[in-house]
Amino acid sequence: MSNTIETIKEQISNNDILLYMKGNPRAPQCGFSSQAVQALMSCGERFAFVNILENPDIRAELPKFANWPTFPQLWVKGELVGGCDIIVEMAGNGELQEVIKNAVGDSEE
């Protein structure tokens, strides 16, 4: 197994809320990443991110590992939540806030 996959697994297990995105939350490098960041920020909790533009190995390997071809990718508690469309839809119907709050609540116990 490649070191990149090990790195991805570590990132996912070490961060309850993790967004793989293009750019960073203050300066997203694509519209989808920007929408995902806004949806996540609306939940009011801190989240980790990985800028895949600075990590070409992760950019290449993560879609295969996740079986999800596009970015951004939101991972919560080790589970892939989905990409931009799913994140925005969940934020719109209140599901995202619940998922994020639960993830944070679990880790504070």
C-alpha atoms as a PDB file:
ATOM      1  CA  MET A   1       0.000   0.000   0.000  1.00  0.00           C
ATOM      2  CA  SER A   2       1.329   3.426  -0.859  1.00  0.00           C
ATOM      3  CA  ASN A   3       2.398   5.978   1.720  1.00  0.00           C
ATOM      4  CA  THR A   4      -0.159   8.352   0.247  1.00  0.00           C
ATOM      5  CA  ILE A   5      -3.011   6.033   1.178  1.00  0.00           C
ATOM      6  CA  GLU A   6      -1.557   5.740   4.683  1.00  0.00           C
ATOM      7  CA  THR A   7      -1.442   9.544   4.900  1.00  0.00           C
ATOM      8  CA  ILE A   8      -5.058   9.810   3.741  1.00  0.00           C
ATOM      9  CA  LYS A   9      -6.180   7.219   6.300  1.00  0.00           C
ATOM     10  CA  GLU A  10      -4.328   9.097   9.050  1.00  0.00           C
ATOM     11  CA  GLN A  11      -5.840  12.427   8.040  1.00  0.00           C
ATOM     12  CA  ILE A  12      -9.333  10.933   8.004  1.00  0.00           C
ATOM     13  CA  SER A  13      -8.962   9.168  11.354  1.00  0.00           C
ATOM     14  CA  ASN A  14      -7.260  12.139  13.081  1.00  0.00           C
ATOM     15  CA  ASN A  15      -9.849  14.742  12.069  1.00  0.00           C
ATOM     16  CA  ASP A  16     -13.525  14.383  12.937  1.00  0.00           C
ATOM     17  CA  ILE A  17     -14.449  16.919  10.251  1.00  0.00           C
ATOM     18  CA  LEU A  18     -12.177  16.997   7.232  1.00  0.00           C
ATOM     19  CA  LEU A  19     -12.631  18.677   3.875  1.00  0.00           C
ATOM     20  CA  TYR A  20     -10.439  17.780   0.925  1.00  0.00           C
ATOM     21  CA  MET A  21     -10.655  20.850  -1.277  1.00  0.00           C
ATOM     22  CA  LYS A  22      -8.973  22.989  -3.901  1.00  0.00           C
ATOM     23  CA  GLY A  23      -7.332  25.884  -2.113  1.00  0.00           C
ATOM     24  CA  ASN A  24      -8.038  26.716   1.537  1.00  0.00           C
ATOM     25  CA  PRO A  25     -11.129  27.953   3.372  1.00  0.00           C
ATOM     26  CA  ARG A  26     -10.021  31.589   3.142  1.00  0.00           C
ATOM     27  CA  ALA A  27      -9.151  31.317  -0.530  1.00  0.00           C
ATOM     28  CA  PRO A  28     -10.949  28.431  -2.257  1.00  0.00           C
ATOM     29  CA  GLN A  29      -9.599  27.707  -5.722  1.00  0.00           C
ATOM     30  CA  CYS A  30     -12.856  26.502  -7.266  1.00  0.00           C
ATOM     31  CA  GLY A  31     -16.538  27.292  -6.978  1.00  0.00           C
ATOM     32  CA  PHE A  32     -17.443  23.868  -5.632  1.00  0.00           C
ATOM     33  CA  SER A  33     -14.859  24.099  -2.857  1.00  0.00           C
ATOM     34  CA  SER A  34     -16.101  27.613  -2.089  1.00  0.00           C
ATOM     35  CA  GLN A  35     -19.704  26.428  -1.737  1.00  0.00           C
ATOM     36  CA  ALA A  36     -18.654  23.496   0.437  1.00  0.00           C
ATOM     37  CA  VAL A  37     -16.625  25.787   2.732  1.00  0.00           C
ATOM     38  CA  GLN A  38     -19.525  28.223   3.092  1.00  0.00           C
ATOM     39  CA  ALA A  39     -21.899  25.383   3.972  1.00  0.00           C
ATOM     40  CA  LEU A  40     -19.450  23.993   6.536  1.00  0.00           C
ATOM     41  CA  MET A  41     -18.720  27.404   8.045  1.00  0.00           C
ATOM     42  CA  SER A  42     -22.447  27.983   8.473  1.00  0.00           C
ATOM     43  CA  CYS A  43     -22.403  25.080  10.951  1.00  0.00           C
ATOM     44  CA  GLY A  44     -20.147  27.132  13.204  1.00  0.00           C
ATOM     45  CA  GLU A  45     -17.640  24.409  14.032  1.00  0.00           C
ATOM     46  CA  ARG A  46     -13.953  24.181  13.255  1.00  0.00           C
ATOM     47  CA  PHE A  47     -12.940  21.754  10.553  1.00  0.00           C
ATOM     48  CA  ALA A  48      -9.700  20.503   9.117  1.00  0.00           C
ATOM     49  CA  PHE A  49      -8.881  20.767   5.440  1.00  0.00           C
ATOM     50  CA  VAL A  50      -6.352  19.476   2.954  1.00  0.00           C
ATOM     51  CA  ASN A  51      -5.504  21.570  -0.099  1.00  0.00           C
ATOM     52  CA  ILE A  52      -5.262  18.949  -2.823  1.00  0.00           C
ATOM     53  CA  LEU A  53      -3.620  21.454  -5.190  1.00  0.00           C
ATOM     54  CA  GLU A  54      -0.587  21.412  -2.862  1.00  0.00           C
ATOM     55  CA  ASN A  55      -0.807  17.622  -2.486  1.00  0.00           C
ATOM     56  CA  PRO A  56      -0.833  16.090  -5.980  1.00  0.00           C
ATOM     57  CA  ASP A  57      -0.330  12.576  -4.564  1.00  0.00           C
ATOM     58  CA  ILE A  58      -3.468  12.872  -2.462  1.00  0.00           C
ATOM     59  CA  ARG A  59      -5.301  14.438  -5.374  1.00  0.00           C
ATOM     60  CA  ALA A  60      -4.404  11.392  -7.451  1.00  0.00           C
ATOM     61  CA  GLU A  61      -5.038   8.692  -4.846  1.00  0.00           C
ATOM     62  CA  LEU A  62      -8.028   9.916  -2.832  1.00  0.00           C
ATOM     63  CA  PRO A  63     -10.652   9.445  -5.583  1.00  0.00           C
ATOM     64  CA  LYS A  64      -9.633   5.779  -5.870  1.00  0.00           C
ATOM     65  CA  PHE A  65      -9.516   5.303  -2.098  1.00  0.00           C
ATOM     66  CA  ALA A  66     -12.872   7.026  -1.573  1.00  0.00           C
ATOM     67  CA  ASN A  67     -14.468   5.659  -4.725  1.00  0.00           C
ATOM     68  CA  TRP A  68     -15.571   9.256  -5.318  1.00  0.00           C
ATOM     69  CA  PRO A  69     -14.159  10.938  -8.432  1.00  0.00           C
ATOM     70  CA  THR A  70     -14.468  14.634  -7.630  1.00  0.00           C
ATOM     71  CA  PHE A  71     -13.453  17.294  -5.120  1.00  0.00           C
ATOM     72  CA  PRO A  72     -14.293  18.656  -2.661  1.00  0.00           C
ATOM     73  CA  GLN A  73     -14.860  15.660  -0.408  1.00  0.00           C
ATOM     74  CA  LEU A  74     -16.218  16.003   3.101  1.00  0.00           C
ATOM     75  CA  TRP A  75     -15.317  13.314   5.627  1.00  0.00           C
ATOM     76  CA  VAL A  76     -16.974  13.201   9.054  1.00  0.00           C
ATOM     77  CA  LYS A  77     -15.908  10.683  11.697  1.00  0.00           C
ATOM     78  CA  GLY A  78     -14.123   8.564   9.099  1.00  0.00           C
ATOM     79  CA  GLU A  79     -17.099   8.399   6.718  1.00  0.00           C
ATOM     80  CA  LEU A  80     -17.315  10.058   3.340  1.00  0.00           C
ATOM     81  CA  VAL A  81     -20.314  12.386   3.422  1.00  0.00           C
ATOM     82  CA  GLY A  82     -19.975  13.440  -0.212  1.00  0.00           C
ATOM     83  CA  GLY A  83     -19.114  16.274  -2.534  1.00  0.00           C
ATOM     84  CA  CYS A  84     -20.343  19.786  -3.124  1.00  0.00           C
ATOM     85  CA  ASP A  85     -23.905  18.954  -4.237  1.00  0.00           C
ATOM     86  CA  ILE A  86     -24.529  16.702  -1.247  1.00  0.00           C
ATOM     87  CA  ILE A  87     -22.913  19.138   1.208  1.00  0.00           C
ATOM     88  CA  VAL A  88     -24.976  22.083  -0.069  1.00  0.00           C
ATOM     89  CA  GLU A  89     -28.182  20.044  -0.128  1.00  0.00           C
ATOM     90  CA  MET A  90     -27.584  18.800   3.423  1.00  0.00           C
ATOM     91  CA  ALA A  91     -26.838  22.341   4.607  1.00  0.00           C
ATOM     92  CA  GLY A  92     -30.091  23.485   3.004  1.00  0.00           C
ATOM     93  CA  ASN A  93     -32.246  20.933   4.794  1.00  0.00           C
ATOM     94  CA  GLY A  94     -30.461  21.061   8.160  1.00  0.00           C
ATOM     95  CA  GLU A  95     -28.827  17.621   7.960  1.00  0.00           C
ATOM     96  CA  LEU A  96     -25.288  18.971   7.681  1.00  0.00           C
ATOM     97  CA  GLN A  97     -25.587  20.984  10.893  1.00  0.00           C
ATOM     98  CA  GLU A  98     -26.815  17.871  12.693  1.00  0.00           C
ATOM     99  CA  VAL A  99     -23.999  15.670  11.342  1.00  0.00           C
ATOM    100  CA  ILE A 100     -21.366  18.290  12.242  1.00  0.00           C
ATOM    101  CA  LYS A 101     -22.794  18.920  15.729  1.00  0.00           C
ATOM    102  CA  ASN A 102     -22.914  15.184  16.421  1.00  0.00           C
ATOM    103  CA  ALA A 103     -19.320  14.750  15.277  1.00  0.00           C
ATOM    104  CA  VAL A 104     -18.153  17.561  17.537  1.00  0.00           C
ATOM    105  CA  GLY A 105     -20.341  16.444  20.428  1.00  0.00           C
ATOM    106  CA  ASP A 106     -18.920  12.931  20.291  1.00  0.00           C
ATOM    107  CA  SER A 107     -15.343  14.138  20.503  1.00  0.00           C
ATOM    108  CA  GLU A 108     -16.019  16.425  23.489  1.00  0.00           C
ATOM    109  CA  GLU A 109     -17.288  13.654  25.737  1.00  0.00           C
END
